C-alpha atoms as a PDB file:
ATOM      1  CA  MET A   1       4.655 -19.024 -25.415  1.00  0.00           C
ATOM      2  CA  ILE A   2       4.056 -15.309 -24.407  1.00  0.00           C
ATOM      3  CA  ASN A   3       7.070 -13.788 -22.609  1.00  0.00           C
ATOM      4  CA  HIS A   4       5.337 -11.682 -19.956  1.00  0.00           C
ATOM      5  CA  ARG A   5       7.147  -8.726 -18.292  1.00  0.00           C
ATOM      6  CA  HIS A   6       7.093  -7.870 -14.532  1.00  0.00           C
ATOM      7  CA  PHE A   7       8.029  -4.644 -12.860  1.00  0.00           C
ATOM      8  CA  LEU A   8       8.295  -3.128  -9.346  1.00  0.00           C
ATOM      9  CA  ILE A   9       7.474   0.547  -8.727  1.00  0.00           C
ATOM     10  CA  HIS A  10       7.884   2.729  -5.756  1.00  0.00           C
ATOM     11  CA  LYS A  11       4.479   4.640  -6.331  1.00  0.00           C
ATOM     12  CA  PRO A  12       4.652   8.252  -5.425  1.00  0.00           C
ATOM     13  CA  PHE A  13       2.045  10.094  -3.400  1.00  0.00           C
ATOM     14  CA  GLY A  14      -0.502  11.723  -5.854  1.00  0.00           C
ATOM     15  CA  TYR A  15      -0.508   9.066  -8.487  1.00  0.00           C
ATOM     16  CA  LEU A  16      -3.480   6.719  -9.343  1.00  0.00           C
ATOM     17  CA  SER A  17      -2.613   3.022  -9.635  1.00  0.00           C
ATOM     18  CA  GLN A  18      -3.723   2.823 -13.160  1.00  0.00           C
ATOM     19  CA  PHE A  19      -2.880   3.896 -16.676  1.00  0.00           C
ATOM     20  CA  ILE A  20      -6.228   5.299 -17.812  1.00  0.00           C
ATOM     21  CA  TYR A  21      -8.508   8.029 -16.247  1.00  0.00           C
ATOM     22  CA  GLU A  22     -11.528   9.086 -18.056  1.00  0.00           C
ATOM     23  CA  LEU A  23     -13.083  11.561 -15.793  1.00  0.00           C
ATOM     24  CA  LYS A  24     -12.650  15.370 -16.444  1.00  0.00           C
ATOM     25  CA  ARG A  25     -10.079  16.119 -13.662  1.00  0.00           C
ATOM     26  CA  THR A  26      -6.568  15.607 -14.501  1.00  0.00           C
ATOM     27  CA  LYS A  27      -4.771  12.922 -12.600  1.00  0.00           C
ATOM     28  CA  LYS A  28      -1.104  11.603 -12.500  1.00  0.00           C
ATOM     29  CA  LEU A  29      -1.116   8.002 -13.947  1.00  0.00           C
ATOM     30  CA  LEU A  30       1.632   5.276 -13.596  1.00  0.00           C
ATOM     31  CA  GLY A  31       2.396   5.619 -17.488  1.00  0.00           C
ATOM     32  CA  GLU A  32       4.128   8.904 -16.633  1.00  0.00           C
ATOM     33  CA  LEU A  33       6.640   7.178 -14.696  1.00  0.00           C
ATOM     34  CA  HIS A  34       7.933   4.654 -17.276  1.00  0.00           C
ATOM     35  CA  ASP A  35       7.440   3.571 -20.729  1.00  0.00           C
ATOM     36  CA  PHE A  36       5.483   0.227 -19.943  1.00  0.00           C
ATOM     37  CA  PRO A  37       4.688  -2.408 -22.602  1.00  0.00           C
ATOM     38  CA  ALA A  38       0.989  -2.655 -23.848  1.00  0.00           C
ATOM     39  CA  GLY A  39      -1.176  -4.657 -21.436  1.00  0.00           C
ATOM     40  CA  THR A  40       0.712  -3.766 -18.379  1.00  0.00           C
ATOM     41  CA  MET A  41      -1.590  -3.810 -15.170  1.00  0.00           C
ATOM     42  CA  ALA A  42      -1.148  -3.060 -11.610  1.00  0.00           C
ATOM     43  CA  ILE A  43      -1.463  -6.047  -9.298  1.00  0.00           C
ATOM     44  CA  GLY A  44      -3.714  -4.672  -6.558  1.00  0.00           C
ATOM     45  CA  ARG A  45      -4.118  -1.006  -5.875  1.00  0.00           C
ATOM     46  CA  LEU A  46      -2.702   1.702  -3.732  1.00  0.00           C
ATOM     47  CA  ASP A  47      -5.031   4.586  -3.315  1.00  0.00           C
ATOM     48  CA  GLU A  48      -3.897   8.213  -4.733  1.00  0.00           C
ATOM     49  CA  ASP A  49      -2.754   9.184  -1.162  1.00  0.00           C
ATOM     50  CA  SER A  50      -0.672   6.097  -0.435  1.00  0.00           C
ATOM     51  CA  GLU A  51       2.678   5.267  -1.591  1.00  0.00           C
ATOM     52  CA  GLY A  52       5.095   2.311  -1.745  1.00  0.00           C
ATOM     53  CA  LEU A  53       5.465  -1.016  -3.350  1.00  0.00           C
ATOM     54  CA  LEU A  54       3.411  -1.813  -6.412  1.00  0.00           C
ATOM     55  CA  LEU A  55       3.727  -4.668  -8.606  1.00  0.00           C
ATOM     56  CA  LEU A  56       2.878  -4.527 -12.324  1.00  0.00           C
ATOM     57  CA  THR A  57       2.864  -7.338 -14.985  1.00  0.00           C
ATOM     58  CA  THR A  58       1.459  -8.162 -18.280  1.00  0.00           C
ATOM     59  CA  ASP A  59       0.301 -11.544 -16.953  1.00  0.00           C
ATOM     60  CA  GLY A  60      -3.396 -11.422 -15.734  1.00  0.00           C
ATOM     61  CA  MET A  61      -3.045 -14.950 -14.076  1.00  0.00           C
ATOM     62  CA  MET A  62      -0.125 -13.678 -12.083  1.00  0.00           C
ATOM     63  CA  SER A  63      -2.218 -10.798 -10.806  1.00  0.00           C
ATOM     64  CA  GLU A  64      -4.880 -13.335  -9.446  1.00  0.00           C
ATOM     65  CA  VAL A  65      -2.018 -15.205  -7.505  1.00  0.00           C
ATOM     66  CA  VAL A  66      -0.566 -11.989  -5.951  1.00  0.00           C
ATOM     67  CA  ARG A  67      -3.870 -10.608  -4.961  1.00  0.00           C
ATOM     68  CA  SER A  68      -4.778 -14.020  -3.307  1.00  0.00           C
ATOM     69  CA  LYS A  69      -5.319 -14.292   0.422  1.00  0.00           C
ATOM     70  CA  LYS A  70      -2.047 -16.462   0.507  1.00  0.00           C
ATOM     71  CA  VAL A  71       0.185 -13.487  -0.017  1.00  0.00           C
ATOM     72  CA  GLU A  72       0.888 -11.035   2.792  1.00  0.00           C
ATOM     73  CA  LYS A  73       1.081  -7.262   2.286  1.00  0.00           C
ATOM     74  CA  GLU A  74       2.903  -5.185   4.941  1.00  0.00           C
ATOM     75  CA  TYR A  75       2.174  -1.425   5.388  1.00  0.00           C
ATOM     76  CA  TYR A  76       3.783   1.191   7.392  1.00  0.00           C
ATOM     77  CA  ALA A  77       1.230   3.743   8.601  1.00  0.00           C
ATOM     78  CA  GLN A  78       2.037   7.062  10.281  1.00  0.00           C
ATOM     79  CA  VAL A  79      -0.825   7.751  12.505  1.00  0.00           C
ATOM     80  CA  ASP A  80      -2.314  10.798  14.416  1.00  0.00           C
ATOM     81  CA  GLY A  81      -1.074  10.568  18.265  1.00  0.00           C
ATOM     82  CA  ILE A  82       0.945   8.112  19.843  1.00  0.00           C
ATOM     83  CA  ILE A  83      -0.552   4.653  19.295  1.00  0.00           C
ATOM     84  CA  THR A  84      -1.216   2.511  22.276  1.00  0.00           C
ATOM     85  CA  GLN A  85      -0.479  -1.102  22.981  1.00  0.00           C
ATOM     86  CA  GLU A  86      -4.199  -1.515  23.466  1.00  0.00           C
ATOM     87  CA  ALA A  87      -4.948  -0.222  20.000  1.00  0.00           C
ATOM     88  CA  VAL A  88      -2.204  -2.416  18.448  1.00  0.00           C
ATOM     89  CA  GLU A  89      -3.794  -5.466  20.023  1.00  0.00           C
ATOM     90  CA  GLN A  90      -7.133  -4.393  18.802  1.00  0.00           C
ATOM     91  CA  LEU A  91      -5.731  -4.294  15.223  1.00  0.00           C
ATOM     92  CA  GLN A  92      -4.138  -7.661  15.697  1.00  0.00           C
ATOM     93  CA  LYS A  93      -7.507  -9.347  16.692  1.00  0.00           C
ATOM     94  CA  GLY A  94      -9.673  -7.577  13.916  1.00  0.00           C
ATOM     95  CA  VAL A  95     -11.628  -4.398  14.112  1.00  0.00           C
ATOM     96  CA  LEU A  96     -15.171  -3.397  12.582  1.00  0.00           C
ATOM     97  CA  ILE A  97     -14.860  -1.238   9.426  1.00  0.00           C
ATOM     98  CA  GLY A  98     -17.409  -0.190   7.007  1.00  0.00           C
ATOM     99  CA  PHE A  99     -17.220  -1.885   3.533  1.00  0.00           C
ATOM    100  CA  LYS A 100     -19.672  -1.487   0.667  1.00  0.00           C
ATOM    101  CA  GLY A 101     -22.348  -0.168   3.206  1.00  0.00           C
ATOM    102  CA  THR A 102     -22.119  -2.839   5.814  1.00  0.00           C
ATOM    103  CA  LYS A 103     -19.781  -3.555   8.815  1.00  0.00           C
ATOM    104  CA  TYR A 104     -16.989  -5.861   8.286  1.00  0.00           C
ATOM    105  CA  LYS A 105     -14.690  -7.462  10.791  1.00  0.00           C
ATOM    106  CA  THR A 106     -11.039  -7.471   9.495  1.00  0.00           C
ATOM    107  CA  LYS A 107      -9.208 -10.724   9.805  1.00  0.00           C
ATOM    108  CA  PRO A 108      -6.569 -11.098  12.415  1.00  0.00           C
ATOM    109  CA  CYS A 109      -3.331  -9.710  11.450  1.00  0.00           C
ATOM    110  CA  GLN A 110       0.158  -8.785  12.384  1.00  0.00           C
ATOM    111  CA  ALA A 111       0.522  -5.340  13.928  1.00  0.00           C
ATOM    112  CA  THR A 112       3.379  -3.671  15.790  1.00  0.00           C
ATOM    113  CA  ARG A 113       4.424  -0.148  16.728  1.00  0.00           C
ATOM    114  CA  ILE A 114       7.615   0.635  15.143  1.00  0.00           C
ATOM    115  CA  GLU A 115      10.277   3.477  15.223  1.00  0.00           C
ATOM    116  CA  VAL A 116      10.096   6.239  12.580  1.00  0.00           C
ATOM    117  CA  PRO A 117      11.116   4.588   9.194  1.00  0.00           C
ATOM    118  CA  ASN A 118      13.777   6.250   7.041  1.00  0.00           C
ATOM    119  CA  PHE A 119      11.733   7.462   4.205  1.00  0.00           C
ATOM    120  CA  PRO A 120      12.180  10.685   2.335  1.00  0.00           C
ATOM    121  CA  ALA A 121       9.639  13.502   3.061  1.00  0.00           C
ATOM    122  CA  ARG A 122       6.437  13.092   1.197  1.00  0.00           C
ATOM    123  CA  SER A 123       5.917  15.450  -1.892  1.00  0.00           C
ATOM    124  CA  GLN A 124       3.136  17.078   0.043  1.00  0.00           C
ATOM    125  CA  LYS A 125       3.807  17.966   3.630  1.00  0.00           C
ATOM    126  CA  ILE A 126       1.674  16.101   6.143  1.00  0.00           C
ATOM    127  CA  ARG A 127       1.728  18.559   9.094  1.00  0.00           C
ATOM    128  CA  ASP A 128       4.290  19.643  11.632  1.00  0.00           C
ATOM    129  CA  GLU A 129       4.667  19.283  15.505  1.00  0.00           C
ATOM    130  CA  ARG A 130       2.364  22.054  16.253  1.00  0.00           C
ATOM    131  CA  HIS A 131      -0.490  19.751  15.559  1.00  0.00           C
ATOM    132  CA  GLY A 132       0.559  17.216  18.018  1.00  0.00           C
ATOM    133  CA  PRO A 133       2.589  13.970  17.955  1.00  0.00           C
ATOM    134  CA  THR A 134       2.417  11.144  15.551  1.00  0.00           C
ATOM    135  CA  SER A 135       3.645   7.491  15.640  1.00  0.00           C
ATOM    136  CA  TRP A 136       4.160   4.687  13.236  1.00  0.00           C
ATOM    137  CA  VAL A 137       2.731   1.104  13.085  1.00  0.00           C
ATOM    138  CA  SER A 138       3.542  -1.818  10.841  1.00  0.00           C
ATOM    139  CA  ILE A 139       0.402  -3.732   9.746  1.00  0.00           C
ATOM    140  CA  THR A 140       0.520  -7.101   7.772  1.00  0.00           C
ATOM    141  CA  LEU A 141      -2.618  -8.298   6.091  1.00  0.00           C
ATOM    142  CA  THR A 142      -3.677 -11.164   3.878  1.00  0.00           C
ATOM    143  CA  GLU A 143      -6.777  -9.194   2.794  1.00  0.00           C
ATOM    144  CA  GLY A 144      -7.197  -5.997   0.995  1.00  0.00           C
ATOM    145  CA  LYS A 145     -10.485  -4.167   1.278  1.00  0.00           C
ATOM    146  CA  PHE A 146     -10.967  -0.667   0.060  1.00  0.00           C
ATOM    147  CA  ARG A 147      -8.782   1.687   2.187  1.00  0.00           C
ATOM    148  CA  GLN A 148      -8.585  -1.050   4.724  1.00  0.00           C
ATOM    149  CA  VAL A 149      -5.438   0.155   6.628  1.00  0.00           C
ATOM    150  CA  ARG A 150      -6.835   3.569   6.879  1.00  0.00           C
ATOM    151  CA  LYS A 151     -10.262   2.493   8.312  1.00  0.00           C
ATOM    152  CA  MET A 152      -8.429   0.052  10.699  1.00  0.00           C
ATOM    153  CA  THR A 153      -6.359   2.716  12.265  1.00  0.00           C
ATOM    154  CA  SER A 154      -9.383   5.174  12.490  1.00  0.00           C
ATOM    155  CA  ALA A 155     -11.497   2.548  14.128  1.00  0.00           C
ATOM    156  CA  VAL A 156      -9.037   2.251  17.099  1.00  0.00           C
ATOM    157  CA  GLY A 157      -8.780   5.961  17.397  1.00  0.00           C
ATOM    158  CA  PHE A 158      -5.446   6.753  15.413  1.00  0.00           C
ATOM    159  CA  PRO A 159      -6.239   7.936  12.042  1.00  0.00           C
ATOM    160  CA  THR A 160      -3.729   7.438   9.247  1.00  0.00           C
ATOM    161  CA  LEU A 161      -1.786  10.408   8.014  1.00  0.00           C
ATOM    162  CA  ARG A 162       0.744   8.470   5.702  1.00  0.00           C
ATOM    163  CA  LEU A 163       0.643   5.036   4.235  1.00  0.00           C
ATOM    164  CA  ILE A 164       3.323   3.320   2.617  1.00  0.00           C
ATOM    165  CA  ARG A 165       3.349  -0.334   1.446  1.00  0.00           C
ATOM    166  CA  VAL A 166       6.759  -1.877   2.136  1.00  0.00           C
ATOM    167  CA  ARG A 167       6.394  -5.568   1.237  1.00  0.00           C
ATOM    168  CA  VAL A 168       4.290  -7.934  -0.773  1.00  0.00           C
ATOM    169  CA  GLY A 169       5.102 -11.488  -0.044  1.00  0.00           C
ATOM    170  CA  ASN A 170       8.937 -11.697  -0.095  1.00  0.00           C
ATOM    171  CA  ILE A 171       9.385  -8.638  -2.294  1.00  0.00           C
ATOM    172  CA  GLN A 172      10.572  -5.719  -0.279  1.00  0.00           C
ATOM    173  CA  LEU A 173      10.339  -2.041  -1.272  1.00  0.00           C
ATOM    174  CA  ALA A 174      13.892  -1.728   0.185  1.00  0.00           C
ATOM    175  CA  ASP A 175      16.013   1.224  -1.251  1.00  0.00           C
ATOM    176  CA  LEU A 176      13.774   1.559  -4.420  1.00  0.00           C
ATOM    177  CA  ASN A 177      13.540   5.390  -4.687  1.00  0.00           C
ATOM    178  CA  VAL A 178      10.226   7.025  -5.045  1.00  0.00           C
ATOM    179  CA  GLY A 179       8.950   7.056  -8.635  1.00  0.00           C
ATOM    180  CA  CYS A 180      11.719   4.444  -9.619  1.00  0.00           C
ATOM    181  CA  VAL A 181      10.630   1.375 -11.733  1.00  0.00           C
ATOM    182  CA  LYS A 182      12.626  -1.870 -11.740  1.00  0.00           C
ATOM    183  CA  GLU A 183      11.949  -4.760 -14.076  1.00  0.00           C
ATOM    184  CA  ILE A 184      12.229  -8.250 -12.727  1.00  0.00           C
ATOM    185  CA  ASN A 185      12.499 -11.640 -14.369  1.00  0.00           C
ATOM    186  CA  ALA A 186       9.431 -13.204 -12.508  1.00  0.00           C
ATOM    187  CA  ILE A 187       7.062 -12.351  -9.482  1.00  0.00           C
ATOM    188  CA  LEU A 188       6.262 -16.031  -8.501  1.00  0.00           C
ATOM    189  CA  GLU A 189       9.959 -16.984  -7.833  1.00  0.00           C
ATOM    190  CA  ILE A 190      10.133 -14.122  -5.288  1.00  0.00           C
ATOM    191  CA  LEU A 191       6.897 -14.436  -3.563  1.00  0.00           C
END
């Protein structure tokens, strides 16, 4: 029997959710944060500009289970402007976004306006108050199209400025510091 290994990571802004990048530009990769065993893969992705909880495993089957539509993923998005209740309700019902060159209506989801979360400042400054107010919204999805949360908030008129995944299933980002890696015994037990 193979002993697979599983990890939680607080992916920092500016890192790719991968271990190999073969294009010419230099990119920051997950392997720079920890000495992961051979065969480790990210379960799902967070784009380079996104932060937060990322699960990694050496078990490809586990990756399929976590990425399934049965497992909720919760994001905190800092948006441009003070998001309205009407916009939050549109997010909840589903909005049209572009996906692979066609229009796609997102599935109904949980969305609520939240107070400013207690996260450290991002490594690259977002902007300051001179550019107008911002607000935060929590969005919980069971699907994950390419840059979906960013496209959803833009579709309702409040573009995302900062995006942090805070939960996958029952696994919380909690107080895991930016760039930290934590090895866990099993992922399924806590999903």
